[in-house]
Amino acid sequence: MFAPNQAEVRRFFCQVFAKAADGRALNEGLQPIEALALEWLREHPEYASDFADEEAAVTRVYQDGINPFLHLSMHLSISEQCSIDQPAGIRAAVENLLQTRDLHEVHHMVMEELGLMLWESQQSGRPPDGVTYVERVNKLG
């Protein structure tokens, strides 16, 4: 399993941002995960300054408000979960929400449940409970 550390995640997003900003994304192309990250970067232009300076990003501390790197990582996680339907049922639960809302809004709704699942896992010392997570997402509709 791929488990990047905080600095690697931040560098990844900053490098995708830089490729898009200087045209390398068009000229050199992007890996599929980079293309997906770029889609979410474009959905959040308010975070552009966070991604513009890679070295500053690696050391920046977010204590209050939204950590844009965590936020976009959660968008990527939800996208990946839906693409492979893991945990089982998450794709259908998200698709159900998409019947009445746009993708960005749905992701933000699901993000709350994803964060709760991860927090509960950390607090209990047990693996994340995907079944309960999917049940909670289903109840959002």
Protein backbone atom coordinates (compact mmCIF):
# COMPACT_ATOMS: atom_id res chain seq x y z
CA MET A 1 0.00 0.00 0.00
CA PHE A 2 1.22 3.48 -0.85
CA ALA A 3 1.48 5.55 2.34
CA PRO A 4 3.16 8.89 1.67
CA ASN A 5 4.21 11.08 4.56
CA GLN A 6 3.01 14.67 5.00
CA ALA A 7 5.92 16.21 3.10
CA GLU A 8 5.45 13.83 0.15
CA VAL A 9 1.74 14.63 -0.07
CA ARG A 10 2.40 18.35 0.01
CA ARG A 11 5.17 18.08 -2.60
CA PHE A 12 2.87 16.03 -4.85
CA PHE A 13 0.13 18.69 -4.86
CA CYS A 14 2.64 21.53 -5.28
CA GLN A 15 4.31 19.76 -8.20
CA VAL A 16 0.97 19.17 -9.93
CA PHE A 17 0.11 22.82 -9.36
CA ALA A 18 3.47 23.89 -10.83
CA LYS A 19 3.04 21.64 -13.88
CA ALA A 20 -0.35 23.22 -14.57
CA ALA A 21 0.91 26.76 -13.95
CA ASP A 22 3.87 26.57 -16.31
CA GLY A 23 2.22 24.49 -19.03
CA ARG A 24 4.05 21.23 -18.40
CA ALA A 25 0.70 19.56 -17.73
CA LEU A 26 -0.21 20.12 -21.37
CA ASN A 27 3.22 19.52 -22.88
CA GLU A 28 4.36 16.52 -20.86
CA GLY A 29 1.01 15.13 -19.82
CA LEU A 30 0.08 13.97 -16.37
CA GLN A 31 -0.13 10.64 -14.64
CA PRO A 32 -3.80 9.69 -13.95
CA ILE A 33 -3.53 10.53 -10.24
CA GLU A 34 -1.96 13.88 -11.14
CA ALA A 35 -4.80 14.64 -13.56
CA LEU A 36 -7.33 13.85 -10.85
CA ALA A 37 -5.44 16.03 -8.36
CA LEU A 38 -5.41 18.86 -10.90
CA GLU A 39 -9.18 18.64 -11.27
CA TRP A 40 -9.57 19.14 -7.52
CA LEU A 41 -6.92 21.87 -7.44
CA ARG A 42 -8.95 23.73 -10.06
CA GLU A 43 -12.09 23.33 -7.93
CA HIS A 44 -10.28 25.12 -5.10
CA PRO A 45 -8.58 28.24 -6.52
CA GLU A 46 -8.73 29.77 -3.04
CA TYR A 47 -5.82 27.49 -2.08
CA ALA A 48 -3.52 28.52 -4.95
CA SER A 49 -1.11 30.36 -2.68
CA ASP A 50 -0.75 27.25 -0.50
CA PHE A 51 0.41 25.23 -3.51
CA ALA A 52 2.57 27.86 -5.19
CA ASP A 53 5.64 27.52 -2.94
CA GLU A 54 6.65 23.90 -2.42
CA GLU A 55 9.30 24.53 0.21
CA ALA A 56 7.02 26.74 2.28
CA ALA A 57 4.21 24.20 1.94
CA VAL A 58 6.31 21.41 3.42
CA THR A 59 6.89 23.35 6.65
CA ARG A 60 3.60 25.22 6.95
CA VAL A 61 1.52 24.44 10.05
CA TYR A 62 -2.27 24.56 9.89
CA GLN A 63 -3.83 24.86 13.34
CA ASP A 64 -7.03 26.73 12.58
CA GLY A 65 -9.29 26.43 9.60
CA ILE A 66 -8.92 24.10 6.66
CA ASN A 67 -5.67 22.40 5.76
CA PRO A 68 -5.85 22.50 1.94
CA PHE A 69 -3.51 19.52 1.58
CA LEU A 70 -5.70 17.36 3.81
CA HIS A 71 -8.82 18.68 2.09
CA LEU A 72 -7.59 17.79 -1.41
CA SER A 73 -6.24 14.46 -0.16
CA MET A 74 -9.73 13.63 1.04
CA HIS A 75 -11.16 14.57 -2.36
CA LEU A 76 -8.64 12.19 -3.96
CA SER A 77 -9.46 9.45 -1.46
CA ILE A 78 -13.18 9.68 -2.13
CA SER A 79 -12.57 9.67 -5.89
CA GLU A 80 -10.40 6.55 -5.56
CA GLN A 81 -12.90 4.85 -3.24
CA CYS A 82 -15.65 5.38 -5.80
CA SER A 83 -13.49 4.21 -8.71
CA ILE A 84 -12.84 0.84 -7.07
CA ASP A 85 -16.00 0.69 -4.92
CA GLN A 86 -14.01 0.24 -1.75
CA PRO A 87 -15.43 0.04 0.82
CA ALA A 88 -18.13 -1.92 -0.94
CA GLY A 89 -21.18 0.19 -1.62
CA ILE A 90 -19.48 3.61 -1.52
CA ARG A 91 -19.83 4.11 -5.28
CA ALA A 92 -23.59 3.53 -5.20
CA ALA A 93 -23.98 5.71 -2.10
CA VAL A 94 -22.14 8.59 -3.78
CA GLU A 95 -24.00 8.10 -7.07
CA ASN A 96 -27.27 8.28 -5.16
CA LEU A 97 -26.27 11.65 -3.71
CA LEU A 98 -25.29 12.84 -7.19
CA GLN A 99 -28.92 12.53 -8.28
CA THR A 100 -29.72 15.81 -6.52
CA ARG A 101 -26.35 17.52 -5.97
CA ASP A 102 -23.15 18.29 -7.85
CA LEU A 103 -19.97 16.29 -7.39
CA HIS A 104 -18.16 18.92 -5.36
CA GLU A 105 -21.00 19.29 -2.87
CA VAL A 106 -21.32 15.52 -2.57
CA HIS A 107 -17.61 15.15 -1.89
CA HIS A 108 -17.82 17.71 0.89
CA MET A 109 -20.72 15.82 2.45
CA VAL A 110 -18.93 12.49 2.20
CA MET A 111 -15.72 14.08 3.50
CA GLU A 112 -17.40 14.67 6.86
CA GLU A 113 -18.20 10.97 7.15
CA LEU A 114 -14.74 9.94 5.97
CA GLY A 115 -13.16 12.19 8.59
CA LEU A 116 -15.43 10.76 11.28
CA MET A 117 -14.54 7.19 10.29
CA LEU A 118 -10.82 7.96 10.46
CA TRP A 119 -11.14 9.78 13.78
CA GLU A 120 -13.09 6.88 15.30
CA SER A 121 -10.46 4.45 14.04
CA GLN A 122 -7.68 6.49 15.62
CA GLN A 123 -9.55 6.79 18.91
CA SER A 124 -10.41 3.09 19.14
CA GLY A 125 -7.17 1.69 17.75
CA ARG A 126 -9.20 -0.45 15.36
CA PRO A 127 -9.18 -0.43 11.55
CA PRO A 128 -11.56 2.00 9.82
CA ASP A 129 -15.14 0.72 9.76
CA GLY A 130 -16.07 0.87 6.09
CA VAL A 131 -19.50 -0.67 6.61
CA THR A 132 -20.56 2.04 9.05
CA TYR A 133 -19.00 4.71 6.81
CA VAL A 134 -21.08 3.58 3.81
CA GLU A 135 -24.22 3.37 5.98
CA ARG A 136 -23.64 6.96 7.10
CA VAL A 137 -23.10 8.15 3.53
CA ASN A 138 -26.32 6.40 2.49
CA LYS A 139 -28.19 8.30 5.21
CA LEU A 140 -27.03 11.63 3.75
CA GLY A 141 -29.46 11.18 0.86
